[in-house]
């Protein structure tokens, strides 16, 4: 029986890592390849304005929105662990398998808190990356 997609296997799938760092830089390690895994890291420091008083500013959700083209496969990946008493929520990396028909991927981040939404989307243009065929 084959292992489910989300469990590591003995085979190392090609992977790429995107790191959205605190100084608003974007670093890519590895090629984003069909059939591989895309891992997304988001620095908590990018959220300083939202997290500085987390006890009074409840963030309901913080997601990486990932859309592969041309197939329009769409994933909302939660980046936040829930808060625990006396401990603020924290960001965790997320990963997604790259579809076999992908030629490029579009990413943006969405923070929902109480009655409004805030985005990190490269000023509405979203972050776009080419996908390499194997």
C-alpha atoms as a PDB file:
ATOM      1  CA  UNK A   1       0.000   0.000   0.000  1.00  0.00           C
ATOM      2  CA  UNK A   2       1.394   3.394  -0.978  1.00  0.00           C
ATOM      3  CA  UNK A   3       1.926   6.038   1.690  1.00  0.00           C
ATOM      4  CA  UNK A   4      -0.448   9.025   1.590  1.00  0.00           C
ATOM      5  CA  UNK A   5       0.919  12.167  -0.075  1.00  0.00           C
ATOM      6  CA  UNK A   6       1.427  14.023   3.178  1.00  0.00           C
ATOM      7  CA  UNK A   7       3.637  11.411   4.849  1.00  0.00           C
ATOM      8  CA  UNK A   8       7.363  11.353   4.138  1.00  0.00           C
ATOM      9  CA  UNK A   9       8.487   8.362   2.114  1.00  0.00           C
ATOM     10  CA  UNK A  10      11.870   6.753   1.661  1.00  0.00           C
ATOM     11  CA  UNK A  11      12.159   8.616  -1.661  1.00  0.00           C
ATOM     12  CA  UNK A  12      13.262  12.194  -1.501  1.00  0.00           C
ATOM     13  CA  UNK A  13      10.937  14.222  -3.709  1.00  0.00           C
ATOM     14  CA  UNK A  14      12.412  17.346  -5.255  1.00  0.00           C
ATOM     15  CA  UNK A  15      11.464  20.308  -3.145  1.00  0.00           C
ATOM     16  CA  UNK A  16      11.715  24.057  -3.198  1.00  0.00           C
ATOM     17  CA  UNK A  17      11.583  26.380  -0.230  1.00  0.00           C
ATOM     18  CA  UNK A  18      10.270  29.930  -0.274  1.00  0.00           C
ATOM     19  CA  UNK A  19      11.166  32.057   2.732  1.00  0.00           C
ATOM     20  CA  UNK A  20       9.329  35.330   3.243  1.00  0.00           C
ATOM     21  CA  UNK A  21      11.762  36.987   5.652  1.00  0.00           C
ATOM     22  CA  UNK A  22      11.444  39.735   8.247  1.00  0.00           C
ATOM     23  CA  UNK A  23      13.238  42.348   6.138  1.00  0.00           C
ATOM     24  CA  UNK A  24      10.649  41.835   3.366  1.00  0.00           C
ATOM     25  CA  UNK A  25      13.060  39.801   1.261  1.00  0.00           C
ATOM     26  CA  UNK A  26      12.029  36.655  -0.504  1.00  0.00           C
ATOM     27  CA  UNK A  27      14.502  33.793  -0.737  1.00  0.00           C
ATOM     28  CA  UNK A  28      14.057  30.702  -2.900  1.00  0.00           C
ATOM     29  CA  UNK A  29      16.024  27.510  -2.379  1.00  0.00           C
ATOM     30  CA  UNK A  30      15.725  24.821  -5.036  1.00  0.00           C
ATOM     31  CA  UNK A  31      13.597  24.726  -8.165  1.00  0.00           C
ATOM     32  CA  UNK A  32       9.818  24.498  -8.016  1.00  0.00           C
ATOM     33  CA  UNK A  33       9.363  21.250  -9.949  1.00  0.00           C
ATOM     34  CA  UNK A  34       6.313  19.313 -11.089  1.00  0.00           C
ATOM     35  CA  UNK A  35       5.610  16.460  -8.689  1.00  0.00           C
ATOM     36  CA  UNK A  36       7.827  17.958  -6.002  1.00  0.00           C
ATOM     37  CA  UNK A  37       6.977  19.751  -2.798  1.00  0.00           C
ATOM     38  CA  UNK A  38       6.775  23.482  -2.201  1.00  0.00           C
ATOM     39  CA  UNK A  39       7.584  24.505   1.375  1.00  0.00           C
ATOM     40  CA  UNK A  40       6.651  28.000   2.547  1.00  0.00           C
ATOM     41  CA  UNK A  41       8.182  29.780   5.535  1.00  0.00           C
ATOM     42  CA  UNK A  42       6.809  33.120   6.689  1.00  0.00           C
ATOM     43  CA  UNK A  43       8.695  35.205   9.245  1.00  0.00           C
ATOM     44  CA  UNK A  44       6.788  36.264  12.355  1.00  0.00           C
ATOM     45  CA  UNK A  45       8.613  39.593  12.182  1.00  0.00           C
ATOM     46  CA  UNK A  46       6.553  40.458   9.096  1.00  0.00           C
ATOM     47  CA  UNK A  47       3.528  40.350  11.402  1.00  0.00           C
ATOM     48  CA  UNK A  48       4.928  42.616  14.129  1.00  0.00           C
ATOM     49  CA  UNK A  49       2.213  45.223  13.708  1.00  0.00           C
ATOM     50  CA  UNK A  50      -0.476  42.563  14.152  1.00  0.00           C
ATOM     51  CA  UNK A  51       1.216  40.513  16.875  1.00  0.00           C
ATOM     52  CA  UNK A  52       2.575  43.224  19.174  1.00  0.00           C
ATOM     53  CA  UNK A  53      -0.475  42.982  21.416  1.00  0.00           C
ATOM     54  CA  UNK A  54      -1.790  39.517  20.598  1.00  0.00           C
ATOM     55  CA  UNK A  55      -3.920  39.242  23.762  1.00  0.00           C
ATOM     56  CA  UNK A  56      -6.183  42.024  22.519  1.00  0.00           C
ATOM     57  CA  UNK A  57      -5.929  41.425  18.805  1.00  0.00           C
ATOM     58  CA  UNK A  58      -7.298  38.002  18.042  1.00  0.00           C
ATOM     59  CA  UNK A  59      -6.167  36.685  14.691  1.00  0.00           C
ATOM     60  CA  UNK A  60      -8.721  34.161  13.580  1.00  0.00           C
ATOM     61  CA  UNK A  61      -6.594  32.830  10.790  1.00  0.00           C
ATOM     62  CA  UNK A  62      -3.391  33.405   8.857  1.00  0.00           C
ATOM     63  CA  UNK A  63      -3.167  31.494   5.608  1.00  0.00           C
ATOM     64  CA  UNK A  64      -0.931  31.062   2.627  1.00  0.00           C
ATOM     65  CA  UNK A  65      -3.159  31.043  -0.455  1.00  0.00           C
ATOM     66  CA  UNK A  66      -1.535  29.019  -3.228  1.00  0.00           C
ATOM     67  CA  UNK A  67      -2.902  28.706  -6.766  1.00  0.00           C
ATOM     68  CA  UNK A  68      -1.242  26.639  -9.473  1.00  0.00           C
ATOM     69  CA  UNK A  69      -1.778  27.544 -13.130  1.00  0.00           C
ATOM     70  CA  UNK A  70      -3.105  26.642 -15.646  1.00  0.00           C
ATOM     71  CA  UNK A  71      -5.126  24.024 -13.715  1.00  0.00           C
ATOM     72  CA  UNK A  72      -6.346  26.521 -11.081  1.00  0.00           C
ATOM     73  CA  UNK A  73      -5.651  24.113  -8.187  1.00  0.00           C
ATOM     74  CA  UNK A  74      -6.154  26.252  -5.083  1.00  0.00           C
ATOM     75  CA  UNK A  75      -4.984  25.593  -1.525  1.00  0.00           C
ATOM     76  CA  UNK A  76      -5.472  27.606   1.666  1.00  0.00           C
ATOM     77  CA  UNK A  77      -2.709  26.518   4.035  1.00  0.00           C
ATOM     78  CA  UNK A  78      -2.926  27.563   7.687  1.00  0.00           C
ATOM     79  CA  UNK A  79       0.322  29.094   8.942  1.00  0.00           C
ATOM     80  CA  UNK A  80      -0.704  29.742  12.544  1.00  0.00           C
ATOM     81  CA  UNK A  81      -0.843  27.492  15.571  1.00  0.00           C
ATOM     82  CA  UNK A  82      -3.679  28.426  17.912  1.00  0.00           C
ATOM     83  CA  UNK A  83      -2.754  30.453  21.011  1.00  0.00           C
ATOM     84  CA  UNK A  84      -2.367  28.665  24.323  1.00  0.00           C
ATOM     85  CA  UNK A  85      -2.796  30.338  27.718  1.00  0.00           C
ATOM     86  CA  UNK A  86       0.147  32.731  28.246  1.00  0.00           C
ATOM     87  CA  UNK A  87       1.664  31.823  24.881  1.00  0.00           C
ATOM     88  CA  UNK A  88       0.997  33.731  21.677  1.00  0.00           C
ATOM     89  CA  UNK A  89       0.131  31.908  18.485  1.00  0.00           C
ATOM     90  CA  UNK A  90       3.136  31.094  16.347  1.00  0.00           C
ATOM     91  CA  UNK A  91       3.798  30.621  12.675  1.00  0.00           C
ATOM     92  CA  UNK A  92       4.690  27.235  11.252  1.00  0.00           C
ATOM     93  CA  UNK A  93       5.861  26.320   7.746  1.00  0.00           C
ATOM     94  CA  UNK A  94       3.426  24.717   5.334  1.00  0.00           C
ATOM     95  CA  UNK A  95       3.914  22.539   2.299  1.00  0.00           C
ATOM     96  CA  UNK A  96       2.006  21.510  -0.781  1.00  0.00           C
ATOM     97  CA  UNK A  97       2.611  19.014  -3.578  1.00  0.00           C
ATOM     98  CA  UNK A  98       3.138  20.624  -6.979  1.00  0.00           C
ATOM     99  CA  UNK A  99       0.539  19.364  -9.493  1.00  0.00           C
ATOM    100  CA  UNK A 100       1.601  17.547 -12.658  1.00  0.00           C
ATOM    101  CA  UNK A 101       0.104  20.181 -14.971  1.00  0.00           C
ATOM    102  CA  UNK A 102       1.515  23.284 -13.233  1.00  0.00           C
ATOM    103  CA  UNK A 103       3.507  25.828 -15.215  1.00  0.00           C
ATOM    104  CA  UNK A 104       3.495  28.589 -12.589  1.00  0.00           C
ATOM    105  CA  UNK A 105       2.319  29.210  -9.038  1.00  0.00           C
ATOM    106  CA  UNK A 106       0.752  32.292  -7.477  1.00  0.00           C
ATOM    107  CA  UNK A 107       0.941  32.937  -3.707  1.00  0.00           C
ATOM    108  CA  UNK A 108      -0.514  35.508  -1.332  1.00  0.00           C
ATOM    109  CA  UNK A 109      -1.115  35.646   2.404  1.00  0.00           C
ATOM    110  CA  UNK A 110      -4.394  36.399   4.121  1.00  0.00           C
ATOM    111  CA  UNK A 111      -4.916  37.411   7.740  1.00  0.00           C
ATOM    112  CA  UNK A 112      -8.455  37.466   9.042  1.00  0.00           C
ATOM    113  CA  UNK A 113      -9.049  39.117  12.375  1.00  0.00           C
ATOM    114  CA  UNK A 114     -12.456  39.908  13.778  1.00  0.00           C
ATOM    115  CA  UNK A 115     -14.246  41.984  11.189  1.00  0.00           C
ATOM    116  CA  UNK A 116     -11.549  42.653   8.598  1.00  0.00           C
ATOM    117  CA  UNK A 117      -8.983  41.066   6.309  1.00  0.00           C
ATOM    118  CA  UNK A 118      -5.349  42.061   5.771  1.00  0.00           C
ATOM    119  CA  UNK A 119      -3.184  40.764   2.907  1.00  0.00           C
ATOM    120  CA  UNK A 120       0.475  40.383   2.078  1.00  0.00           C
ATOM    121  CA  UNK A 121       0.205  40.192  -1.676  1.00  0.00           C
ATOM    122  CA  UNK A 122       3.047  42.232  -3.125  1.00  0.00           C
ATOM    123  CA  UNK A 123       0.730  45.235  -3.246  1.00  0.00           C
ATOM    124  CA  UNK A 124      -2.066  43.283  -4.915  1.00  0.00           C
ATOM    125  CA  UNK A 125       0.088  41.665  -7.597  1.00  0.00           C
ATOM    126  CA  UNK A 126       0.668  38.412  -5.651  1.00  0.00           C
ATOM    127  CA  UNK A 127       3.937  36.492  -5.610  1.00  0.00           C
ATOM    128  CA  UNK A 128       4.427  34.498  -8.826  1.00  0.00           C
ATOM    129  CA  UNK A 129       6.952  31.759  -9.587  1.00  0.00           C
ATOM    130  CA  UNK A 130       7.654  29.533 -12.575  1.00  0.00           C
ATOM    131  CA  UNK A 131       7.318  25.765 -12.208  1.00  0.00           C
ATOM    132  CA  UNK A 132       9.963  23.630 -13.896  1.00  0.00           C
ATOM    133  CA  UNK A 133       8.987  20.399 -15.648  1.00  0.00           C
ATOM    134  CA  UNK A 134      11.118  17.392 -14.856  1.00  0.00           C
END
